[in-house]
């Protein structure tokens, strides 16, 4: 099973974890979104947070998702995107 298939099969669990931490939207980007991941690839997630973001964001969210998915997770918000890759990330991001 590919990583994107794993994410889709665990979508409800991922969204539940994300919502507990104040995330209102979660998208996958990078090698997983492009279907180019390897066994060593992490999962890059672009998130939007609401007003009730956890005080432990994003550290606890990362740990909870890594426990759930068994892969290293990187989290970024749109505001935190590097301007040099912003348009590419937004173009390839796939909503969960």
N, C-alpha and C. Protein backbone atom coordinates (compact mmCIF):
# COMPACT_ATOMS: atom_id res chain seq x y z
N UNK A 1 0.85 -1.18 0.00
CA UNK A 1 0.00 0.00 0.00
C UNK A 1 0.90 1.24 0.00
N UNK A 2 0.61 2.18 -0.89
CA UNK A 2 1.38 3.42 -0.93
C UNK A 2 1.00 4.29 0.27
N UNK A 3 1.82 5.29 0.53
CA UNK A 3 1.56 6.19 1.65
C UNK A 3 0.26 6.94 1.46
N UNK A 4 -0.03 7.38 0.26
CA UNK A 4 -1.28 8.12 0.02
C UNK A 4 -2.48 7.20 0.24
N UNK A 5 -2.35 5.92 -0.11
CA UNK A 5 -3.42 4.96 0.15
C UNK A 5 -3.61 4.75 1.65
N UNK A 6 -2.50 4.70 2.38
CA UNK A 6 -2.57 4.59 3.84
C UNK A 6 -3.27 5.80 4.43
N UNK A 7 -2.91 6.98 3.95
CA UNK A 7 -3.55 8.21 4.44
C UNK A 7 -5.05 8.20 4.16
N UNK A 8 -5.42 7.76 2.97
CA UNK A 8 -6.85 7.72 2.62
C UNK A 8 -7.59 6.70 3.47
N UNK A 9 -6.96 5.55 3.74
CA UNK A 9 -7.63 4.52 4.54
C UNK A 9 -7.77 4.93 6.01
N UNK A 10 -6.89 5.82 6.45
CA UNK A 10 -6.93 6.30 7.84
C UNK A 10 -7.38 7.76 7.92
N UNK A 11 -8.02 8.22 6.88
CA UNK A 11 -8.42 9.62 6.77
C UNK A 11 -9.18 10.11 8.00
N UNK A 12 -10.20 9.39 8.41
CA UNK A 12 -11.02 9.83 9.54
C UNK A 12 -10.19 9.95 10.82
N UNK A 13 -9.29 9.00 11.04
CA UNK A 13 -8.42 9.05 12.22
C UNK A 13 -7.47 10.24 12.15
N UNK A 14 -6.89 10.47 10.98
CA UNK A 14 -5.97 11.61 10.79
C UNK A 14 -6.71 12.92 11.04
N UNK A 15 -7.91 13.05 10.47
CA UNK A 15 -8.68 14.28 10.65
C UNK A 15 -9.08 14.48 12.10
N UNK A 16 -9.42 13.40 12.79
CA UNK A 16 -9.78 13.49 14.21
C UNK A 16 -8.60 13.99 15.04
N UNK A 17 -7.42 13.43 14.80
CA UNK A 17 -6.21 13.86 15.50
C UNK A 17 -5.94 15.33 15.20
N UNK A 18 -6.01 15.70 13.93
CA UNK A 18 -5.74 17.08 13.52
C UNK A 18 -6.72 18.05 14.18
N UNK A 19 -7.99 17.71 14.20
CA UNK A 19 -9.00 18.58 14.80
C UNK A 19 -8.77 18.77 16.29
N UNK A 20 -8.30 17.73 16.98
CA UNK A 20 -8.00 17.85 18.41
C UNK A 20 -6.94 18.91 18.68
N UNK A 21 -6.10 19.16 17.68
CA UNK A 21 -5.02 20.13 17.83
C UNK A 21 -5.35 21.48 17.19
N UNK A 22 -6.59 21.67 16.78
CA UNK A 22 -7.02 22.96 16.24
C UNK A 22 -6.82 23.13 14.74
N UNK A 23 -6.56 22.04 14.04
CA UNK A 23 -6.37 22.09 12.59
C UNK A 23 -7.73 22.00 11.91
N UNK A 24 -7.98 22.92 10.98
CA UNK A 24 -9.26 22.95 10.27
C UNK A 24 -9.16 22.39 8.86
N UNK A 25 -7.95 22.32 8.32
CA UNK A 25 -7.73 21.80 6.97
C UNK A 25 -6.36 21.15 6.93
N UNK A 26 -6.27 20.02 6.23
CA UNK A 26 -4.99 19.32 6.12
C UNK A 26 -4.82 18.82 4.69
N UNK A 27 -3.66 19.14 4.11
CA UNK A 27 -3.35 18.74 2.74
C UNK A 27 -1.97 18.08 2.70
N UNK A 28 -1.81 17.14 1.82
CA UNK A 28 -0.55 16.44 1.63
C UNK A 28 0.17 17.07 0.45
N UNK A 29 1.49 17.27 0.58
CA UNK A 29 2.28 17.76 -0.55
C UNK A 29 3.61 17.02 -0.56
N UNK A 30 4.45 17.35 -1.50
CA UNK A 30 5.76 16.72 -1.58
C UNK A 30 5.71 15.38 -2.30
N UNK A 31 6.69 14.54 -1.99
CA UNK A 31 6.84 13.28 -2.72
C UNK A 31 5.62 12.37 -2.59
N UNK A 32 4.96 12.39 -1.43
CA UNK A 32 3.77 11.54 -1.25
C UNK A 32 2.65 12.00 -2.19
N UNK A 33 2.42 13.29 -2.27
CA UNK A 33 1.37 13.83 -3.15
C UNK A 33 1.68 13.56 -4.62
N UNK A 34 2.96 13.57 -4.96
CA UNK A 34 3.36 13.34 -6.35
C UNK A 34 3.47 11.86 -6.69
N UNK A 35 3.34 10.98 -5.70
CA UNK A 35 3.50 9.54 -5.94
C UNK A 35 4.94 9.13 -6.14
N UNK A 36 5.87 9.91 -5.60
CA UNK A 36 7.30 9.65 -5.78
C UNK A 36 7.99 9.24 -4.49
N UNK A 37 7.22 8.89 -3.45
CA UNK A 37 7.82 8.58 -2.17
C UNK A 37 8.61 7.28 -2.21
N UNK A 38 9.57 7.20 -1.30
CA UNK A 38 10.34 5.98 -1.08
C UNK A 38 10.07 5.52 0.35
N UNK A 39 10.65 4.40 0.72
CA UNK A 39 10.47 3.91 2.09
C UNK A 39 11.00 4.90 3.13
N UNK A 40 11.95 5.73 2.74
CA UNK A 40 12.54 6.69 3.67
C UNK A 40 11.84 8.05 3.66
N UNK A 41 10.86 8.23 2.80
CA UNK A 41 10.19 9.53 2.68
C UNK A 41 9.36 9.85 3.92
N UNK A 42 9.35 11.13 4.26
CA UNK A 42 8.45 11.59 5.31
C UNK A 42 7.13 12.00 4.65
N UNK A 43 6.17 12.38 5.48
CA UNK A 43 4.89 12.86 4.98
C UNK A 43 4.82 14.35 5.26
N UNK A 44 4.73 15.14 4.19
CA UNK A 44 4.65 16.60 4.31
C UNK A 44 3.19 17.01 4.33
N UNK A 45 2.80 17.72 5.38
CA UNK A 45 1.42 18.16 5.53
C UNK A 45 1.34 19.67 5.63
N UNK A 46 0.44 20.24 4.85
CA UNK A 46 0.15 21.67 4.86
C UNK A 46 -1.16 21.82 5.63
N UNK A 47 -1.13 22.56 6.73
CA UNK A 47 -2.32 22.65 7.57
C UNK A 47 -2.77 24.10 7.74
N UNK A 48 -4.06 24.23 7.97
CA UNK A 48 -4.68 25.51 8.33
C UNK A 48 -5.22 25.32 9.74
N UNK A 49 -4.95 26.29 10.59
CA UNK A 49 -5.42 26.19 11.97
C UNK A 49 -6.53 27.18 12.23
N UNK A 50 -7.38 26.83 13.18
CA UNK A 50 -8.46 27.70 13.60
C UNK A 50 -8.09 28.42 14.88
N UNK A 51 -9.06 29.08 15.49
CA UNK A 51 -8.78 29.86 16.70
C UNK A 51 -8.47 29.00 17.92
N UNK A 52 -8.82 27.73 17.89
CA UNK A 52 -8.60 26.88 19.06
C UNK A 52 -7.38 25.98 18.90
N UNK A 53 -6.33 26.53 18.31
CA UNK A 53 -5.12 25.73 18.09
C UNK A 53 -4.51 25.34 19.44
N UNK A 54 -4.04 24.11 19.50
CA UNK A 54 -3.44 23.58 20.72
C UNK A 54 -2.19 24.36 21.10
N UNK A 55 -1.97 24.52 22.38
CA UNK A 55 -0.75 25.21 22.83
C UNK A 55 0.49 24.38 22.53
N UNK A 56 0.29 23.10 22.23
CA UNK A 56 1.41 22.22 21.89
C UNK A 56 1.59 22.09 20.37
N UNK A 57 0.89 22.90 19.58
CA UNK A 57 1.00 22.85 18.12
C UNK A 57 2.37 23.37 17.71
N UNK A 58 3.05 22.75 16.76
CA UNK A 58 2.68 21.50 16.10
C UNK A 58 3.31 20.25 16.71
N UNK A 59 4.09 20.40 17.77
CA UNK A 59 4.85 19.26 18.30
C UNK A 59 3.97 18.06 18.64
N UNK A 60 2.91 18.27 19.38
CA UNK A 60 2.05 17.15 19.79
C UNK A 60 1.31 16.56 18.59
N UNK A 61 0.91 17.42 17.66
CA UNK A 61 0.25 16.95 16.43
C UNK A 61 1.19 16.03 15.66
N UNK A 62 2.43 16.44 15.52
CA UNK A 62 3.42 15.63 14.80
C UNK A 62 3.58 14.28 15.48
N UNK A 63 3.75 14.27 16.79
CA UNK A 63 3.93 13.01 17.52
C UNK A 63 2.71 12.10 17.39
N UNK A 64 1.52 12.67 17.52
CA UNK A 64 0.30 11.87 17.41
C UNK A 64 0.15 11.27 16.01
N UNK A 65 0.45 12.05 14.98
CA UNK A 65 0.33 11.54 13.61
C UNK A 65 1.42 10.52 13.30
N UNK A 66 2.63 10.74 13.82
CA UNK A 66 3.69 9.75 13.62
C UNK A 66 3.32 8.42 14.28
N UNK A 67 2.72 8.48 15.46
CA UNK A 67 2.27 7.25 16.13
C UNK A 67 1.20 6.55 15.29
N UNK A 68 0.28 7.30 14.74
CA UNK A 68 -0.82 6.74 13.96
C UNK A 68 -0.34 6.14 12.64
N UNK A 69 0.56 6.86 11.95
CA UNK A 69 0.94 6.48 10.59
C UNK A 69 2.27 5.73 10.48
N UNK A 70 3.07 5.77 11.54
CA UNK A 70 4.35 5.06 11.51
C UNK A 70 5.37 5.65 10.57
N UNK A 71 5.24 6.93 10.28
CA UNK A 71 6.17 7.64 9.38
C UNK A 71 6.52 8.98 10.00
N UNK A 72 7.69 9.52 9.61
CA UNK A 72 8.07 10.86 10.04
C UNK A 72 7.13 11.86 9.38
N UNK A 73 6.69 12.86 10.14
CA UNK A 73 5.75 13.86 9.66
C UNK A 73 6.39 15.24 9.72
N UNK A 74 6.23 16.02 8.67
CA UNK A 74 6.59 17.44 8.67
C UNK A 74 5.31 18.24 8.52
N UNK A 75 5.16 19.28 9.33
CA UNK A 75 3.97 20.13 9.32
C UNK A 75 4.39 21.55 8.97
N UNK A 76 3.61 22.18 8.10
CA UNK A 76 3.83 23.59 7.78
C UNK A 76 2.46 24.24 7.57
N UNK A 77 2.38 25.52 7.93
CA UNK A 77 1.18 26.31 7.63
C UNK A 77 1.47 27.13 6.38
N UNK A 78 0.43 27.65 5.76
CA UNK A 78 0.65 28.48 4.57
C UNK A 78 1.54 29.67 4.90
N UNK A 79 1.32 30.27 6.06
CA UNK A 79 2.14 31.42 6.47
C UNK A 79 3.60 31.03 6.64
N UNK A 80 3.86 29.77 6.96
CA UNK A 80 5.22 29.32 7.18
C UNK A 80 5.92 28.80 5.94
N UNK A 81 5.24 28.81 4.81
CA UNK A 81 5.85 28.31 3.56
C UNK A 81 6.96 29.24 3.09
N UNK A 82 8.04 28.63 2.64
CA UNK A 82 9.13 29.38 2.03
C UNK A 82 8.61 30.00 0.74
N UNK A 83 8.80 31.30 0.54
CA UNK A 83 8.29 31.95 -0.67
C UNK A 83 8.81 31.33 -1.97
N UNK A 84 9.99 30.73 -1.92
CA UNK A 84 10.58 30.14 -3.13
C UNK A 84 9.86 28.88 -3.59
N UNK A 85 9.18 28.19 -2.67
CA UNK A 85 8.49 26.95 -3.05
C UNK A 85 6.98 27.04 -2.85
N UNK A 86 6.51 28.18 -2.41
CA UNK A 86 5.10 28.36 -2.07
C UNK A 86 4.15 27.95 -3.21
N UNK A 87 4.38 28.47 -4.40
CA UNK A 87 3.46 28.19 -5.51
C UNK A 87 3.47 26.70 -5.88
N UNK A 88 4.63 26.06 -5.82
CA UNK A 88 4.72 24.63 -6.12
C UNK A 88 3.96 23.82 -5.08
N UNK A 89 4.16 24.14 -3.80
CA UNK A 89 3.48 23.41 -2.72
C UNK A 89 1.97 23.56 -2.85
N UNK A 90 1.50 24.78 -3.06
CA UNK A 90 0.06 25.01 -3.18
C UNK A 90 -0.53 24.31 -4.41
N UNK A 91 0.24 24.23 -5.48
CA UNK A 91 -0.24 23.59 -6.70
C UNK A 91 -0.35 22.07 -6.55
N UNK A 92 0.57 21.46 -5.80
CA UNK A 92 0.56 20.00 -5.70
C UNK A 92 -0.16 19.48 -4.46
N UNK A 93 -0.54 20.36 -3.55
CA UNK A 93 -1.19 19.93 -2.30
C UNK A 93 -2.52 19.24 -2.58
N UNK A 94 -2.72 18.09 -1.93
CA UNK A 94 -3.92 17.28 -2.10
C UNK A 94 -4.66 17.24 -0.77
N UNK A 95 -5.92 17.65 -0.79
CA UNK A 95 -6.72 17.64 0.44
C UNK A 95 -6.94 16.22 0.92
N UNK A 96 -6.90 16.06 2.22
CA UNK A 96 -7.19 14.74 2.80
C UNK A 96 -8.68 14.57 2.97
